[in-house]
């Protein structure tokens, strides 16, 4: 998951504005912060959802063993990559 294009653009614009006009950047941040907070909360919620999917998938794989190829493919779908997942 990643930030929406709008949130990324707001962050880029605020960063550029902060370099050239710090006071204006602070006012813009005050106005844009609800949008950024919402985008970051969604990103955090999606990350938590992925952790839960991974936990459930590993439990299912422990109960119903699969071939190594099937296991790797399932983990890749559920996590994005089988590396870094311990069983």
N, C-alpha and C. Protein backbone atom coordinates (compact mmCIF):
# COMPACT_ATOMS: atom_id res chain seq x y z
N UNK A 1 0.83 -1.17 0.00
CA UNK A 1 0.00 0.00 0.00
C UNK A 1 0.87 1.24 0.00
N UNK A 2 0.31 2.27 -0.56
CA UNK A 2 1.04 3.52 -0.54
C UNK A 2 0.07 4.68 -0.40
N UNK A 3 0.60 5.83 -0.19
CA UNK A 3 -0.22 7.02 -0.09
C UNK A 3 -0.88 7.31 -1.43
N UNK A 4 -2.03 7.93 -1.37
CA UNK A 4 -2.72 8.30 -2.60
C UNK A 4 -1.90 9.34 -3.35
N UNK A 5 -2.11 9.45 -4.65
CA UNK A 5 -1.38 10.47 -5.41
C UNK A 5 -1.61 11.88 -4.85
N UNK A 6 -2.82 12.16 -4.38
CA UNK A 6 -3.10 13.48 -3.82
C UNK A 6 -2.27 13.73 -2.57
N UNK A 7 -2.22 12.75 -1.67
CA UNK A 7 -1.44 12.91 -0.44
C UNK A 7 0.05 13.07 -0.76
N UNK A 8 0.55 12.29 -1.70
CA UNK A 8 1.97 12.43 -2.10
C UNK A 8 2.25 13.82 -2.65
N UNK A 9 1.33 14.33 -3.49
CA UNK A 9 1.51 15.65 -4.08
C UNK A 9 1.46 16.73 -3.01
N UNK A 10 0.55 16.61 -2.05
CA UNK A 10 0.47 17.58 -0.96
C UNK A 10 1.77 17.59 -0.17
N UNK A 11 2.31 16.42 0.12
CA UNK A 11 3.57 16.34 0.86
C UNK A 11 4.70 16.98 0.05
N UNK A 12 4.77 16.68 -1.24
CA UNK A 12 5.80 17.28 -2.09
C UNK A 12 5.68 18.80 -2.12
N UNK A 13 4.45 19.28 -2.32
CA UNK A 13 4.23 20.73 -2.38
C UNK A 13 4.58 21.40 -1.06
N UNK A 14 4.18 20.78 0.05
CA UNK A 14 4.50 21.36 1.35
C UNK A 14 6.01 21.38 1.61
N UNK A 15 6.70 20.33 1.18
CA UNK A 15 8.15 20.28 1.36
C UNK A 15 8.82 21.40 0.57
N UNK A 16 8.40 21.58 -0.67
CA UNK A 16 8.97 22.65 -1.49
C UNK A 16 8.63 24.02 -0.90
N UNK A 17 7.40 24.18 -0.45
CA UNK A 17 6.97 25.44 0.14
C UNK A 17 7.74 25.73 1.43
N UNK A 18 7.99 24.70 2.20
CA UNK A 18 8.72 24.87 3.46
C UNK A 18 10.13 25.39 3.21
N UNK A 19 10.74 24.95 2.13
CA UNK A 19 12.09 25.40 1.80
C UNK A 19 12.11 26.88 1.42
N UNK A 20 11.09 27.33 0.71
CA UNK A 20 11.11 28.71 0.22
C UNK A 20 10.29 29.68 1.06
N UNK A 21 9.20 29.22 1.65
CA UNK A 21 8.30 30.09 2.42
C UNK A 21 7.79 29.35 3.65
N UNK A 22 8.60 29.27 4.70
CA UNK A 22 8.24 28.47 5.88
C UNK A 22 6.90 28.86 6.51
N UNK A 23 6.61 30.15 6.59
CA UNK A 23 5.36 30.59 7.21
C UNK A 23 4.14 30.13 6.40
N UNK A 24 4.23 30.26 5.10
CA UNK A 24 3.14 29.82 4.22
C UNK A 24 2.98 28.30 4.31
N UNK A 25 4.10 27.59 4.43
CA UNK A 25 4.04 26.13 4.54
C UNK A 25 3.31 25.71 5.81
N UNK A 26 3.57 26.41 6.90
CA UNK A 26 2.87 26.07 8.15
C UNK A 26 1.37 26.30 8.03
N UNK A 27 0.98 27.39 7.40
CA UNK A 27 -0.45 27.65 7.20
C UNK A 27 -1.07 26.60 6.28
N UNK A 28 -0.36 26.22 5.23
CA UNK A 28 -0.85 25.19 4.32
C UNK A 28 -0.97 23.86 5.04
N UNK A 29 0.00 23.55 5.88
CA UNK A 29 -0.04 22.30 6.63
C UNK A 29 -1.24 22.28 7.58
N UNK A 30 -1.51 23.42 8.20
CA UNK A 30 -2.67 23.51 9.08
C UNK A 30 -3.95 23.17 8.32
N UNK A 31 -4.05 23.63 7.10
CA UNK A 31 -5.24 23.40 6.28
C UNK A 31 -5.26 21.96 5.74
N UNK A 32 -4.10 21.46 5.31
CA UNK A 32 -4.04 20.15 4.65
C UNK A 32 -3.90 18.99 5.63
N UNK A 33 -3.60 19.26 6.88
CA UNK A 33 -3.32 18.16 7.82
C UNK A 33 -4.46 17.15 7.95
N UNK A 34 -5.73 17.54 7.93
CA UNK A 34 -6.77 16.50 8.03
C UNK A 34 -6.70 15.48 6.89
N UNK A 35 -6.41 15.94 5.69
CA UNK A 35 -6.30 15.03 4.54
C UNK A 35 -5.10 14.11 4.72
N UNK A 36 -3.97 14.67 5.15
CA UNK A 36 -2.77 13.86 5.35
C UNK A 36 -2.97 12.85 6.48
N UNK A 37 -3.59 13.27 7.56
CA UNK A 37 -3.83 12.36 8.68
C UNK A 37 -4.73 11.21 8.24
N UNK A 38 -5.77 11.52 7.50
CA UNK A 38 -6.67 10.46 7.01
C UNK A 38 -5.93 9.47 6.11
N UNK A 39 -5.08 9.98 5.21
CA UNK A 39 -4.33 9.11 4.31
C UNK A 39 -3.36 8.23 5.10
N UNK A 40 -2.70 8.79 6.10
CA UNK A 40 -1.76 8.01 6.91
C UNK A 40 -2.50 6.98 7.76
N UNK A 41 -3.68 7.32 8.26
CA UNK A 41 -4.46 6.35 9.03
C UNK A 41 -4.90 5.18 8.15
N UNK A 42 -5.32 5.47 6.92
CA UNK A 42 -5.70 4.39 6.00
C UNK A 42 -4.51 3.50 5.71
N UNK A 43 -3.35 4.12 5.51
CA UNK A 43 -2.13 3.36 5.24
C UNK A 43 -1.80 2.46 6.43
N UNK A 44 -1.92 2.98 7.64
CA UNK A 44 -1.69 2.19 8.84
C UNK A 44 -2.68 1.06 8.99
N UNK A 45 -3.95 1.33 8.71
CA UNK A 45 -4.97 0.28 8.80
C UNK A 45 -4.72 -0.83 7.79
N UNK A 46 -4.32 -0.45 6.58
CA UNK A 46 -4.02 -1.46 5.56
C UNK A 46 -2.84 -2.33 5.99
N UNK A 47 -1.84 -1.72 6.61
CA UNK A 47 -0.68 -2.48 7.08
C UNK A 47 -1.10 -3.48 8.16
N UNK A 48 -1.98 -3.05 9.07
CA UNK A 48 -2.47 -3.97 10.10
C UNK A 48 -3.27 -5.10 9.48
N UNK A 49 -4.08 -4.79 8.46
CA UNK A 49 -4.85 -5.83 7.78
C UNK A 49 -3.92 -6.87 7.16
N UNK A 50 -2.81 -6.42 6.57
CA UNK A 50 -1.86 -7.36 5.96
C UNK A 50 -1.23 -8.27 6.99
N UNK A 51 -0.94 -7.73 8.17
CA UNK A 51 -0.38 -8.55 9.24
C UNK A 51 -1.38 -9.63 9.64
N UNK A 52 -2.64 -9.27 9.76
CA UNK A 52 -3.66 -10.24 10.12
C UNK A 52 -3.82 -11.32 9.05
N UNK A 53 -3.77 -10.92 7.79
CA UNK A 53 -3.85 -11.89 6.68
C UNK A 53 -2.68 -12.85 6.77
N UNK A 54 -1.48 -12.32 7.02
CA UNK A 54 -0.29 -13.15 7.12
C UNK A 54 -0.41 -14.15 8.28
N UNK A 55 -0.87 -13.70 9.42
CA UNK A 55 -1.03 -14.57 10.59
C UNK A 55 -2.01 -15.69 10.27
N UNK A 56 -3.14 -15.35 9.67
CA UNK A 56 -4.14 -16.36 9.34
C UNK A 56 -3.63 -17.33 8.27
N UNK A 57 -2.90 -16.81 7.31
CA UNK A 57 -2.36 -17.66 6.25
C UNK A 57 -1.33 -18.64 6.82
N UNK A 58 -0.47 -18.18 7.71
CA UNK A 58 0.52 -19.06 8.32
C UNK A 58 -0.16 -20.13 9.18
N UNK A 59 -1.21 -19.77 9.88
CA UNK A 59 -1.96 -20.75 10.68
C UNK A 59 -2.60 -21.79 9.76
N UNK A 60 -3.17 -21.34 8.65
CA UNK A 60 -3.79 -22.26 7.70
C UNK A 60 -2.74 -23.20 7.11
N UNK A 61 -1.56 -22.65 6.76
CA UNK A 61 -0.50 -23.48 6.20
C UNK A 61 0.02 -24.50 7.22
N UNK A 62 0.01 -24.14 8.49
CA UNK A 62 0.43 -25.10 9.53
C UNK A 62 -0.58 -26.24 9.64
N UNK A 63 -1.85 -25.92 9.47
CA UNK A 63 -2.90 -26.93 9.57
C UNK A 63 -3.03 -27.76 8.30
N UNK A 64 -2.80 -27.12 7.15
CA UNK A 64 -2.93 -27.78 5.85
C UNK A 64 -1.65 -27.60 5.04
N UNK A 65 -0.61 -28.41 5.33
CA UNK A 65 0.68 -28.25 4.64
C UNK A 65 0.52 -28.33 3.12
N UNK A 66 1.31 -27.52 2.44
CA UNK A 66 1.29 -27.45 0.98
C UNK A 66 2.70 -27.72 0.46
N UNK A 67 2.79 -27.97 -0.83
CA UNK A 67 4.12 -28.12 -1.44
C UNK A 67 4.87 -26.79 -1.26
N UNK A 68 6.18 -26.87 -1.36
CA UNK A 68 6.98 -25.65 -1.16
C UNK A 68 6.60 -24.58 -2.18
N UNK A 69 6.37 -24.98 -3.42
CA UNK A 69 6.00 -24.01 -4.46
C UNK A 69 4.66 -23.37 -4.13
N UNK A 70 3.68 -24.17 -3.74
CA UNK A 70 2.36 -23.63 -3.39
C UNK A 70 2.47 -22.71 -2.18
N UNK A 71 3.25 -23.13 -1.20
CA UNK A 71 3.44 -22.31 0.01
C UNK A 71 4.04 -20.95 -0.35
N UNK A 72 5.09 -20.97 -1.16
CA UNK A 72 5.73 -19.71 -1.56
C UNK A 72 4.76 -18.82 -2.33
N UNK A 73 3.98 -19.42 -3.22
CA UNK A 73 3.03 -18.62 -4.01
C UNK A 73 1.94 -18.03 -3.11
N UNK A 74 1.44 -18.80 -2.17
CA UNK A 74 0.43 -18.29 -1.24
C UNK A 74 1.00 -17.17 -0.38
N UNK A 75 2.22 -17.35 0.11
CA UNK A 75 2.83 -16.32 0.93
C UNK A 75 3.11 -15.06 0.13
N UNK A 76 3.48 -15.23 -1.13
CA UNK A 76 3.72 -14.07 -1.99
C UNK A 76 2.43 -13.29 -2.20
N UNK A 77 1.35 -13.99 -2.42
CA UNK A 77 0.05 -13.33 -2.59
C UNK A 77 -0.37 -12.65 -1.29
N UNK A 78 -0.21 -13.33 -0.18
CA UNK A 78 -0.66 -12.80 1.10
C UNK A 78 0.23 -11.74 1.69
N UNK A 79 1.49 -11.74 1.33
CA UNK A 79 2.45 -10.82 1.95
C UNK A 79 3.17 -9.95 0.96
N UNK A 80 3.19 -10.34 -0.28
CA UNK A 80 3.94 -9.60 -1.26
C UNK A 80 5.28 -10.25 -1.58
N UNK A 81 5.80 -11.06 -0.64
CA UNK A 81 7.09 -11.72 -0.83
C UNK A 81 7.26 -12.79 0.24
N UNK A 82 7.73 -14.00 -0.10
CA UNK A 82 7.89 -15.02 0.91
C UNK A 82 9.10 -14.77 1.82
N UNK A 83 10.03 -13.90 1.43
CA UNK A 83 11.19 -13.63 2.25
C UNK A 83 10.75 -12.91 3.53
N UNK A 84 11.42 -13.26 4.61
CA UNK A 84 11.17 -12.57 5.86
C UNK A 84 10.00 -13.13 6.65
N UNK A 85 9.38 -14.19 6.16
CA UNK A 85 8.27 -14.81 6.87
C UNK A 85 8.79 -16.09 7.49
N UNK A 86 8.66 -16.22 8.78
CA UNK A 86 9.08 -17.46 9.44
C UNK A 86 7.88 -18.34 9.67
N UNK A 87 8.10 -19.63 9.67
CA UNK A 87 6.98 -20.54 9.92
C UNK A 87 7.22 -21.32 11.18
